[in-house]
Amino acid sequence: ALMPRAPREARQRAREAIALCPEEPAYHVALAQALRAGGAEVGEPADELAGHALAEALRLDPTHLLANLEQARLYVARGLPATARAALQRVLDRAPEHAAARALLVQLDAGGLAPPGESGDHRRP
């Protein structure tokens, strides 16, 4: 039963790190990752909270590779492939050989991650 607690512990440690050093973007990225991995409390909007953490990381450092990659993954999960592509491009502009960003872009280009019949961004009301 260690696994279900691990993301919550990671979330708590990320929040503690942010409290100590709020200007470090990596801590905000770690919080987003923990939330998306199951670290949110029941009823908490994990993706929304992760989005806020990533927005803060990117406010602090718009070129942060992992923040942009995680933001792309979040956009894919939200059904926003064009927006995800833009975040991936920011990663690839700085690190052209970034394997995870390239792999996600290939999946997007193949249409494997977009909702069926959709190629652009479609935000839900």
Protein backbone atom coordinates (compact mmCIF):
# COMPACT_ATOMS: atom_id res chain seq x y z
CA ALA A 1 0.00 0.00 0.00
CA LEU A 2 3.05 2.24 -0.35
CA MET A 3 2.27 3.15 -3.95
CA PRO A 4 -1.03 4.98 -3.32
CA ARG A 5 0.69 7.13 -0.69
CA ALA A 6 3.78 7.92 -2.76
CA PRO A 7 2.22 10.67 -4.94
CA ARG A 8 0.64 12.29 -1.89
CA GLU A 9 3.96 12.27 -0.08
CA ALA A 10 5.61 13.73 -3.18
CA ARG A 11 2.93 16.45 -3.29
CA GLN A 12 3.57 17.31 0.36
CA ARG A 13 7.35 17.43 -0.14
CA ALA A 14 6.95 19.64 -3.23
CA ARG A 15 4.73 22.04 -1.28
CA GLU A 16 7.31 22.16 1.53
CA ALA A 17 10.06 22.89 -1.00
CA ILE A 18 7.95 25.65 -2.58
CA ALA A 19 7.41 27.18 0.87
CA LEU A 20 11.19 27.27 1.38
CA CYS A 21 12.10 28.46 -2.12
CA PRO A 22 9.07 29.70 -4.08
CA GLU A 23 11.24 31.04 -6.93
CA GLU A 24 12.50 27.56 -7.94
CA PRO A 25 10.46 26.39 -10.98
CA ALA A 26 11.48 22.74 -10.54
CA TYR A 27 9.54 22.57 -7.27
CA HIS A 28 6.37 23.76 -9.00
CA VAL A 29 6.90 21.15 -11.72
CA ALA A 30 7.36 18.46 -9.05
CA LEU A 31 4.06 19.53 -7.47
CA ALA A 32 2.28 19.27 -10.82
CA GLN A 33 3.75 15.82 -11.46
CA ALA A 34 2.70 14.60 -8.01
CA LEU A 35 -0.84 15.91 -8.46
CA ARG A 36 -1.21 14.28 -11.86
CA ALA A 37 0.24 10.99 -10.53
CA GLY A 38 -2.53 10.69 -7.97
CA GLY A 39 -1.37 13.01 -5.24
CA ALA A 40 -4.52 15.10 -5.13
CA GLU A 41 -6.98 14.67 -2.30
CA VAL A 42 -10.37 13.19 -3.12
CA GLY A 43 -12.45 15.91 -4.74
CA GLU A 44 -9.46 18.10 -5.62
CA PRO A 45 -9.25 19.07 -9.30
CA ALA A 46 -5.82 17.49 -9.90
CA ASP A 47 -5.36 18.65 -13.50
CA GLU A 48 -6.49 22.19 -12.67
CA LEU A 49 -4.12 22.41 -9.70
CA ALA A 50 -1.31 20.91 -11.79
CA GLY A 51 -2.02 23.51 -14.47
CA HIS A 52 -1.63 26.31 -11.92
CA ALA A 53 1.66 24.84 -10.67
CA LEU A 54 2.99 24.57 -14.23
CA ALA A 55 1.87 28.12 -15.03
CA GLU A 56 3.85 29.34 -12.02
CA ALA A 57 6.92 27.34 -13.06
CA LEU A 58 6.72 28.85 -16.55
CA ARG A 59 6.17 32.34 -15.15
CA LEU A 60 9.43 31.90 -13.25
CA ASP A 61 11.25 30.37 -16.25
CA PRO A 62 9.39 30.29 -19.58
CA THR A 63 12.12 28.10 -21.09
CA HIS A 64 12.08 25.41 -18.38
CA LEU A 65 12.16 22.17 -20.39
CA LEU A 66 10.34 19.90 -17.97
CA ALA A 67 7.67 22.51 -17.22
CA ASN A 68 6.95 22.86 -20.94
CA LEU A 69 6.91 19.08 -21.43
CA GLU A 70 4.54 18.54 -18.50
CA GLN A 71 2.34 21.35 -19.76
CA ALA A 72 2.19 19.64 -23.17
CA ARG A 73 1.14 16.38 -21.48
CA LEU A 74 -1.57 18.23 -19.58
CA TYR A 75 -2.83 19.85 -22.80
CA VAL A 76 -2.97 16.41 -24.45
CA ALA A 77 -5.00 15.11 -21.52
CA ARG A 78 -7.36 18.07 -21.91
CA GLY A 79 -7.82 17.38 -25.63
CA LEU A 80 -5.84 20.43 -26.77
CA PRO A 81 -3.36 19.01 -29.30
CA ALA A 82 -2.47 22.30 -31.02
CA THR A 83 -1.65 23.92 -27.69
CA ALA A 84 0.33 20.82 -26.68
CA ARG A 85 2.29 21.08 -29.93
CA ALA A 86 3.26 24.68 -29.11
CA ALA A 87 4.57 23.64 -25.68
CA LEU A 88 6.52 20.77 -27.25
CA GLN A 89 8.01 23.15 -29.79
CA ARG A 90 9.35 25.31 -26.94
CA VAL A 91 11.13 22.21 -25.60
CA LEU A 92 12.51 21.23 -29.00
CA ASP A 93 13.65 24.77 -29.78
CA ARG A 94 16.05 24.52 -26.81
CA ALA A 95 16.74 20.78 -26.90
CA PRO A 96 16.18 19.43 -30.44
CA GLU A 97 17.04 15.86 -29.44
CA HIS A 98 14.74 15.74 -26.38
CA ALA A 99 13.42 12.17 -26.68
CA ALA A 100 10.23 12.49 -24.63
CA ALA A 101 9.18 15.69 -26.42
CA ARG A 102 9.92 14.14 -29.83
CA ALA A 103 7.96 10.98 -28.96
CA LEU A 104 4.92 12.96 -27.83
CA LEU A 105 5.09 15.14 -30.95
CA VAL A 106 5.23 12.04 -33.17
CA GLN A 107 2.14 10.68 -31.41
CA LEU A 108 0.34 14.00 -31.87
CA ASP A 109 1.32 14.19 -35.54
CA ALA A 110 0.06 10.63 -36.06
CA GLY A 111 -3.25 11.64 -34.53
CA GLY A 112 -2.90 9.02 -31.83
CA LEU A 113 -3.57 11.41 -28.96
CA ALA A 114 -6.26 13.69 -30.34
CA PRO A 115 -9.90 12.82 -29.75
CA PRO A 116 -11.36 11.01 -32.80
CA GLY A 117 -12.13 13.38 -35.65
CA GLU A 118 -10.47 16.36 -33.99
CA SER A 119 -7.22 17.98 -35.02
CA GLY A 120 -7.39 21.43 -33.42
CA ASP A 121 -8.06 22.75 -29.96
CA HIS A 122 -11.56 22.27 -28.62
CA ARG A 123 -12.07 23.66 -25.17
CA ARG A 124 -14.95 22.39 -23.11
CA PRO A 125 -17.39 24.98 -21.81
